[in-house]
Amino acid sequence: MGMNTQALITMVLTNLVFIGFTAYFFRLVLKSPLDKPENDDVEFPHGG
């Protein structure tokens, strides 16, 4: 059961780190004004 607990703790820590980076990235994106699309080839409905 020790190995399973270690794997579970590792998986949870990895998920927490991933969620932290994702939240940080989204916060950066939401803070910066999106007036120019990065790619002109990609057509996304912009501003709304």
N, C-alpha and C. Protein backbone atom coordinates (compact mmCIF):
# COMPACT_ATOMS: atom_id res chain seq x y z
N MET A 1 0.84 -1.21 0.00
CA MET A 1 0.00 0.00 0.00
C MET A 1 0.87 1.26 0.00
N GLY A 2 2.13 1.07 0.38
CA GLY A 2 3.03 2.23 0.40
C GLY A 2 3.26 2.78 -1.01
N MET A 3 3.44 1.87 -1.97
CA MET A 3 3.68 2.31 -3.34
C MET A 3 2.46 3.03 -3.90
N ASN A 4 1.28 2.51 -3.61
CA ASN A 4 0.06 3.15 -4.10
C ASN A 4 -0.12 4.53 -3.50
N THR A 5 0.18 4.67 -2.21
CA THR A 5 0.07 5.97 -1.55
C THR A 5 1.06 6.95 -2.16
N GLN A 6 2.29 6.49 -2.41
CA GLN A 6 3.30 7.36 -3.01
C GLN A 6 2.87 7.80 -4.40
N ALA A 7 2.32 6.88 -5.19
CA ALA A 7 1.86 7.22 -6.54
C ALA A 7 0.70 8.21 -6.47
N LEU A 8 -0.20 8.01 -5.50
CA LEU A 8 -1.34 8.91 -5.37
C LEU A 8 -0.88 10.31 -4.98
N ILE A 9 0.06 10.38 -4.03
CA ILE A 9 0.58 11.69 -3.61
C ILE A 9 1.28 12.37 -4.78
N THR A 10 2.06 11.62 -5.55
CA THR A 10 2.76 12.19 -6.70
C THR A 10 1.77 12.71 -7.73
N MET A 11 0.71 11.94 -7.97
CA MET A 11 -0.28 12.36 -8.97
C MET A 11 -1.00 13.62 -8.51
N VAL A 12 -1.35 13.68 -7.23
CA VAL A 12 -2.05 14.86 -6.71
C VAL A 12 -1.15 16.08 -6.78
N LEU A 13 0.12 15.93 -6.41
CA LEU A 13 1.05 17.06 -6.47
C LEU A 13 1.24 17.53 -7.91
N THR A 14 1.34 16.59 -8.84
CA THR A 14 1.48 16.96 -10.25
C THR A 14 0.25 17.72 -10.73
N ASN A 15 -0.94 17.24 -10.33
CA ASN A 15 -2.16 17.94 -10.73
C ASN A 15 -2.22 19.33 -10.14
N LEU A 16 -1.81 19.48 -8.88
CA LEU A 16 -1.83 20.80 -8.24
C LEU A 16 -0.88 21.76 -8.94
N VAL A 17 0.30 21.27 -9.31
CA VAL A 17 1.27 22.12 -10.02
C VAL A 17 0.71 22.51 -11.38
N PHE A 18 0.09 21.55 -12.08
CA PHE A 18 -0.48 21.83 -13.39
C PHE A 18 -1.60 22.86 -13.28
N ILE A 19 -2.47 22.69 -12.27
CA ILE A 19 -3.57 23.64 -12.07
C ILE A 19 -3.02 25.03 -11.72
N GLY A 20 -1.96 25.05 -10.94
CA GLY A 20 -1.35 26.33 -10.57
C GLY A 20 -0.81 27.07 -11.79
N PHE A 21 -0.08 26.34 -12.64
CA PHE A 21 0.46 26.97 -13.85
C PHE A 21 -0.66 27.42 -14.78
N THR A 22 -1.72 26.60 -14.89
CA THR A 22 -2.84 26.96 -15.76
C THR A 22 -3.53 28.22 -15.25
N ALA A 23 -3.77 28.28 -13.94
CA ALA A 23 -4.41 29.47 -13.36
C ALA A 23 -3.53 30.70 -13.55
N TYR A 24 -2.22 30.54 -13.39
CA TYR A 24 -1.30 31.66 -13.58
C TYR A 24 -1.32 32.14 -15.03
N PHE A 25 -1.35 31.19 -15.98
CA PHE A 25 -1.40 31.54 -17.39
C PHE A 25 -2.69 32.27 -17.73
N PHE A 26 -3.83 31.75 -17.22
CA PHE A 26 -5.10 32.39 -17.50
C PHE A 26 -5.15 33.79 -16.88
N ARG A 27 -4.55 33.95 -15.71
CA ARG A 27 -4.52 35.27 -15.07
C ARG A 27 -3.71 36.25 -15.91
N LEU A 28 -2.58 35.78 -16.46
CA LEU A 28 -1.78 36.64 -17.33
C LEU A 28 -2.57 37.02 -18.58
N VAL A 29 -3.29 36.05 -19.16
CA VAL A 29 -4.05 36.32 -20.38
C VAL A 29 -5.18 37.30 -20.10
N LEU A 30 -5.86 37.12 -18.97
CA LEU A 30 -6.99 37.99 -18.65
C LEU A 30 -6.51 39.40 -18.30
N LYS A 31 -5.31 39.51 -17.72
CA LYS A 31 -4.79 40.83 -17.37
C LYS A 31 -4.42 41.62 -18.62
N SER A 32 -3.78 40.95 -19.58
CA SER A 32 -3.31 41.65 -20.78
C SER A 32 -4.49 41.90 -21.72
N PRO A 33 -4.54 43.09 -22.32
CA PRO A 33 -5.62 43.40 -23.28
C PRO A 33 -5.47 42.58 -24.55
N LEU A 34 -6.59 42.03 -25.03
CA LEU A 34 -6.54 41.20 -26.24
C LEU A 34 -7.06 42.01 -27.42
N ASP A 35 -6.29 43.02 -27.86
CA ASP A 35 -6.77 43.77 -29.01
C ASP A 35 -6.22 43.22 -30.32
N LYS A 36 -5.15 42.44 -30.29
CA LYS A 36 -4.58 41.90 -31.53
C LYS A 36 -4.47 40.39 -31.43
N PRO A 37 -5.01 39.67 -32.41
CA PRO A 37 -4.86 38.21 -32.43
C PRO A 37 -3.41 37.85 -32.74
N GLU A 38 -2.92 36.77 -32.13
CA GLU A 38 -1.55 36.35 -32.37
C GLU A 38 -1.37 35.87 -33.81
N ASN A 39 -2.34 35.08 -34.29
CA ASN A 39 -2.26 34.53 -35.64
C ASN A 39 -3.34 35.16 -36.52
N ASP A 40 -2.95 35.71 -37.66
CA ASP A 40 -3.93 36.25 -38.58
C ASP A 40 -4.62 35.14 -39.36
N ASP A 41 -3.96 33.98 -39.46
CA ASP A 41 -4.55 32.86 -40.20
C ASP A 41 -5.75 32.27 -39.45
N VAL A 42 -5.66 32.26 -38.13
CA VAL A 42 -6.73 31.67 -37.34
C VAL A 42 -7.83 32.70 -37.15
N GLU A 43 -9.04 32.36 -37.54
CA GLU A 43 -10.15 33.30 -37.43
C GLU A 43 -11.04 32.92 -36.25
N PHE A 44 -10.89 33.68 -35.16
CA PHE A 44 -11.73 33.48 -33.99
C PHE A 44 -12.64 34.68 -33.84
N PRO A 45 -13.88 34.49 -33.40
CA PRO A 45 -14.73 35.65 -33.08
C PRO A 45 -14.07 36.44 -31.97
N HIS A 46 -13.80 37.70 -32.22
CA HIS A 46 -12.91 38.45 -31.35
C HIS A 46 -13.65 39.58 -30.64
N GLY A 47 -13.45 39.68 -29.37
CA GLY A 47 -14.06 40.76 -28.58
C GLY A 47 -15.55 40.56 -28.41
N GLY A 48 -16.02 40.46 -27.18
CA GLY A 48 -17.43 40.22 -27.08
C GLY A 48 -17.94 40.34 -25.71
